[in-house]
Amino acid sequence: MIILIMSIFYWVGPVKTVRSMGLQIKEETYIEASRALGASNARIIFKHMVPLLIPYAFASMALYVPGAIVVEATLSLLGLGDPTIVTWGQILQDAHSGGAMLSGMWWWVVPPGLAIALMGMTFAFVGFAMDKILNPKLKTR
């Protein structure tokens, strides 16, 4: 249920980002020049705009995934998640309710916290790499 609610609300941010970039690219001079030369709207969109928008879409999505992971872990940590599904937040909530840190059992807290941090860094690095690979402005000869 949490994933369904998050997928309903989390698509708005990346779409707004890509739409604003599309509106910005639409005003460029080479778009106007291709329109003046008689290029169709489909050709302008697919040949000029989409190659510039794909890196922004990937980077935006790659940056939203760690946020979604942290939100799910936070909800599970607060006890609002499904207790039958094992998640990093559920592990942290079980460790907190069992008094793991007070008993000195740090291994119940550190691995899920590190996993959340590593997953966030991984998606951030993947987003940066996809931006570097797909962005035509960053390509070198």
C-alpha atoms as a PDB file:
ATOM      1  CA  MET A   1       0.000   0.000   0.000  1.00  0.00           C
ATOM      2  CA  ILE A   2       2.902   2.358   0.813  1.00  0.00           C
ATOM      3  CA  ILE A   3       4.505   1.713  -2.572  1.00  0.00           C
ATOM      4  CA  LEU A   4       1.211   2.364  -4.349  1.00  0.00           C
ATOM      5  CA  ILE A   5       0.679   5.675  -2.534  1.00  0.00           C
ATOM      6  CA  MET A   6       4.288   6.742  -3.138  1.00  0.00           C
ATOM      7  CA  SER A   7       4.086   5.879  -6.844  1.00  0.00           C
ATOM      8  CA  ILE A   8       0.903   7.958  -7.140  1.00  0.00           C
ATOM      9  CA  PHE A   9       2.535  11.042  -5.619  1.00  0.00           C
ATOM     10  CA  TYR A  10       6.228  10.700  -6.591  1.00  0.00           C
ATOM     11  CA  TRP A  11       5.821  10.908 -10.374  1.00  0.00           C
ATOM     12  CA  VAL A  12       4.886  14.590 -10.241  1.00  0.00           C
ATOM     13  CA  GLY A  13       8.349  15.987  -9.419  1.00  0.00           C
ATOM     14  CA  PRO A  14      10.307  14.382 -12.263  1.00  0.00           C
ATOM     15  CA  VAL A  15       7.558  15.207 -14.744  1.00  0.00           C
ATOM     16  CA  LYS A  16       7.561  18.857 -13.715  1.00  0.00           C
ATOM     17  CA  THR A  17      11.347  18.979 -14.063  1.00  0.00           C
ATOM     18  CA  VAL A  18      11.338  17.413 -17.528  1.00  0.00           C
ATOM     19  CA  ARG A  19       8.416  19.597 -18.653  1.00  0.00           C
ATOM     20  CA  SER A  20      10.168  22.779 -17.530  1.00  0.00           C
ATOM     21  CA  MET A  21      13.336  21.725 -19.349  1.00  0.00           C
ATOM     22  CA  GLY A  22      11.259  20.944 -22.459  1.00  0.00           C
ATOM     23  CA  LEU A  23       9.684  24.398 -22.362  1.00  0.00           C
ATOM     24  CA  GLN A  24      13.147  25.923 -21.989  1.00  0.00           C
ATOM     25  CA  ILE A  25      14.578  23.913 -24.900  1.00  0.00           C
ATOM     26  CA  LYS A  26      11.564  24.811 -27.047  1.00  0.00           C
ATOM     27  CA  GLU A  27      12.627  28.456 -26.983  1.00  0.00           C
ATOM     28  CA  GLU A  28      16.173  27.801 -28.273  1.00  0.00           C
ATOM     29  CA  THR A  29      17.229  29.343 -31.572  1.00  0.00           C
ATOM     30  CA  TYR A  30      17.992  26.045 -33.331  1.00  0.00           C
ATOM     31  CA  ILE A  31      14.402  24.901 -32.661  1.00  0.00           C
ATOM     32  CA  GLU A  32      13.114  28.085 -34.258  1.00  0.00           C
ATOM     33  CA  ALA A  33      15.525  27.610 -37.159  1.00  0.00           C
ATOM     34  CA  SER A  34      14.372  24.046 -37.793  1.00  0.00           C
ATOM     35  CA  ARG A  35      10.751  25.206 -37.574  1.00  0.00           C
ATOM     36  CA  ALA A  36      11.552  27.943 -40.135  1.00  0.00           C
ATOM     37  CA  LEU A  37      13.108  25.342 -42.432  1.00  0.00           C
ATOM     38  CA  GLY A  38       9.828  23.426 -42.383  1.00  0.00           C
ATOM     39  CA  ALA A  39      10.582  20.601 -39.965  1.00  0.00           C
ATOM     40  CA  SER A  40       7.502  18.874 -38.559  1.00  0.00           C
ATOM     41  CA  ASN A  41       6.692  18.993 -34.861  1.00  0.00           C
ATOM     42  CA  ALA A  42       7.445  15.272 -34.519  1.00  0.00           C
ATOM     43  CA  ARG A  43      10.881  15.704 -36.087  1.00  0.00           C
ATOM     44  CA  ILE A  44      11.692  18.656 -33.818  1.00  0.00           C
ATOM     45  CA  ILE A  45      10.570  16.762 -30.743  1.00  0.00           C
ATOM     46  CA  PHE A  46      12.330  13.471 -31.492  1.00  0.00           C
ATOM     47  CA  LYS A  47      15.497  14.765 -33.156  1.00  0.00           C
ATOM     48  CA  HIS A  48      16.202  17.890 -31.123  1.00  0.00           C
ATOM     49  CA  MET A  49      14.316  17.854 -27.837  1.00  0.00           C
ATOM     50  CA  VAL A  50      14.194  14.217 -26.662  1.00  0.00           C
ATOM     51  CA  PRO A  51      17.991  13.674 -26.767  1.00  0.00           C
ATOM     52  CA  LEU A  52      18.373  16.664 -24.464  1.00  0.00           C
ATOM     53  CA  LEU A  53      15.514  15.682 -22.148  1.00  0.00           C
ATOM     54  CA  ILE A  54      16.468  12.037 -21.537  1.00  0.00           C
ATOM     55  CA  PRO A  55      19.451  12.843 -19.267  1.00  0.00           C
ATOM     56  CA  TYR A  56      17.309  15.147 -17.146  1.00  0.00           C
ATOM     57  CA  ALA A  57      14.639  12.472 -16.847  1.00  0.00           C
ATOM     58  CA  PHE A  58      17.148   9.801 -15.782  1.00  0.00           C
ATOM     59  CA  ALA A  59      18.909  12.091 -13.335  1.00  0.00           C
ATOM     60  CA  SER A  60      15.633  13.213 -11.835  1.00  0.00           C
ATOM     61  CA  MET A  61      14.375   9.652 -11.420  1.00  0.00           C
ATOM     62  CA  ALA A  62      17.683   8.480 -10.002  1.00  0.00           C
ATOM     63  CA  LEU A  63      17.533  11.204  -7.373  1.00  0.00           C
ATOM     64  CA  TYR A  64      13.927  10.442  -6.402  1.00  0.00           C
ATOM     65  CA  VAL A  65      14.538   6.731  -5.733  1.00  0.00           C
ATOM     66  CA  PRO A  66      16.726   7.286  -2.620  1.00  0.00           C
ATOM     67  CA  GLY A  67      14.114   9.692  -1.292  1.00  0.00           C
ATOM     68  CA  ALA A  68      11.436   7.046  -1.745  1.00  0.00           C
ATOM     69  CA  ILE A  69      13.604   4.467   0.031  1.00  0.00           C
ATOM     70  CA  VAL A  70      14.149   6.834   2.961  1.00  0.00           C
ATOM     71  CA  VAL A  71      10.413   7.636   3.156  1.00  0.00           C
ATOM     72  CA  GLU A  72       9.504   3.943   3.228  1.00  0.00           C
ATOM     73  CA  ALA A  73      12.170   3.200   5.837  1.00  0.00           C
ATOM     74  CA  THR A  74      10.973   6.136   7.944  1.00  0.00           C
ATOM     75  CA  LEU A  75       7.358   5.004   7.810  1.00  0.00           C
ATOM     76  CA  SER A  76       8.385   1.467   8.758  1.00  0.00           C
ATOM     77  CA  LEU A  77      10.598   2.797  11.548  1.00  0.00           C
ATOM     78  CA  LEU A  78       7.655   4.763  12.953  1.00  0.00           C
ATOM     79  CA  GLY A  79       5.533   1.606  12.874  1.00  0.00           C
ATOM     80  CA  LEU A  80       3.298   2.732  10.004  1.00  0.00           C
ATOM     81  CA  GLY A  81       4.507   0.096   7.552  1.00  0.00           C
ATOM     82  CA  ASP A  82       3.398  -3.492   7.025  1.00  0.00           C
ATOM     83  CA  PRO A  83       4.838  -5.552   9.917  1.00  0.00           C
ATOM     84  CA  THR A  84       4.776  -8.756   7.853  1.00  0.00           C
ATOM     85  CA  ILE A  85       7.251  -7.398   5.270  1.00  0.00           C
ATOM     86  CA  VAL A  86      10.902  -7.186   6.259  1.00  0.00           C
ATOM     87  CA  THR A  87      12.369  -3.800   5.327  1.00  0.00           C
ATOM     88  CA  TRP A  88      15.315  -1.814   6.614  1.00  0.00           C
ATOM     89  CA  GLY A  89      12.965   0.468   8.506  1.00  0.00           C
ATOM     90  CA  GLN A  90      11.203  -2.533  10.060  1.00  0.00           C
ATOM     91  CA  ILE A  91      14.564  -3.940  11.180  1.00  0.00           C
ATOM     92  CA  LEU A  92      15.441  -0.594  12.770  1.00  0.00           C
ATOM     93  CA  GLN A  93      12.020  -0.427  14.452  1.00  0.00           C
ATOM     94  CA  ASP A  94      12.435  -3.959  15.846  1.00  0.00           C
ATOM     95  CA  ALA A  95      15.915  -3.050  17.100  1.00  0.00           C
ATOM     96  CA  HIS A  96      14.558   0.103  18.742  1.00  0.00           C
ATOM     97  CA  SER A  97      11.613  -1.663  20.375  1.00  0.00           C
ATOM     98  CA  GLY A  98      13.875  -4.486  21.553  1.00  0.00           C
ATOM     99  CA  GLY A  99      16.381  -2.076  23.105  1.00  0.00           C
ATOM    100  CA  ALA A 100      19.277  -3.204  20.913  1.00  0.00           C
ATOM    101  CA  MET A 101      21.322  -0.029  21.376  1.00  0.00           C
ATOM    102  CA  LEU A 102      20.789   0.030  25.130  1.00  0.00           C
ATOM    103  CA  SER A 103      21.999  -3.563  25.297  1.00  0.00           C
ATOM    104  CA  GLY A 104      25.053  -2.788  23.152  1.00  0.00           C
ATOM    105  CA  MET A 105      23.855  -4.771  20.124  1.00  0.00           C
ATOM    106  CA  TRP A 106      24.948  -2.238  17.524  1.00  0.00           C
ATOM    107  CA  TRP A 107      24.871  -4.842  14.735  1.00  0.00           C
ATOM    108  CA  TRP A 108      21.065  -4.557  14.692  1.00  0.00           C
ATOM    109  CA  VAL A 109      21.242  -0.855  13.864  1.00  0.00           C
ATOM    110  CA  VAL A 110      24.396  -0.219  11.810  1.00  0.00           C
ATOM    111  CA  PRO A 111      23.865  -2.611   8.842  1.00  0.00           C
ATOM    112  CA  PRO A 112      20.356  -1.371   7.911  1.00  0.00           C
ATOM    113  CA  GLY A 113      21.496   2.252   8.287  1.00  0.00           C
ATOM    114  CA  LEU A 114      24.541   1.603   6.104  1.00  0.00           C
ATOM    115  CA  ALA A 115      22.390  -0.222   3.548  1.00  0.00           C
ATOM    116  CA  ILE A 116      20.049   2.765   3.280  1.00  0.00           C
ATOM    117  CA  ALA A 117      23.002   5.141   2.913  1.00  0.00           C
ATOM    118  CA  LEU A 118      24.767   2.935   0.331  1.00  0.00           C
ATOM    119  CA  MET A 119      21.568   2.535  -1.700  1.00  0.00           C
ATOM    120  CA  GLY A 120      21.086   6.304  -1.755  1.00  0.00           C
ATOM    121  CA  MET A 121      24.692   6.892  -2.824  1.00  0.00           C
ATOM    122  CA  THR A 122      24.415   4.179  -5.491  1.00  0.00           C
ATOM    123  CA  PHE A 123      21.399   5.795  -7.116  1.00  0.00           C
ATOM    124  CA  ALA A 124      23.032   9.219  -6.923  1.00  0.00           C
ATOM    125  CA  PHE A 125      26.154   7.868  -8.657  1.00  0.00           C
ATOM    126  CA  VAL A 126      24.068   6.028 -11.263  1.00  0.00           C
ATOM    127  CA  GLY A 127      22.149   9.254 -11.956  1.00  0.00           C
ATOM    128  CA  PHE A 128      25.392  11.176 -12.348  1.00  0.00           C
ATOM    129  CA  ALA A 129      26.845   8.492 -14.648  1.00  0.00           C
ATOM    130  CA  MET A 130      23.693   8.377 -16.784  1.00  0.00           C
ATOM    131  CA  ASP A 131      23.762  12.160 -17.039  1.00  0.00           C
ATOM    132  CA  LYS A 132      27.393  12.063 -18.115  1.00  0.00           C
ATOM    133  CA  ILE A 133      26.779   9.291 -20.653  1.00  0.00           C
ATOM    134  CA  LEU A 134      23.537  10.535 -22.164  1.00  0.00           C
ATOM    135  CA  ASN A 135      23.962  14.296 -22.055  1.00  0.00           C
ATOM    136  CA  PRO A 136      25.199  15.421 -25.467  1.00  0.00           C
ATOM    137  CA  LYS A 137      26.609  18.650 -24.016  1.00  0.00           C
ATOM    138  CA  LEU A 138      28.974  16.710 -21.749  1.00  0.00           C
ATOM    139  CA  LYS A 139      30.256  14.341 -24.440  1.00  0.00           C
ATOM    140  CA  THR A 140      33.841  14.907 -25.545  1.00  0.00           C
ATOM    141  CA  ARG A 141      35.323  13.823 -28.818  1.00  0.00           C
END
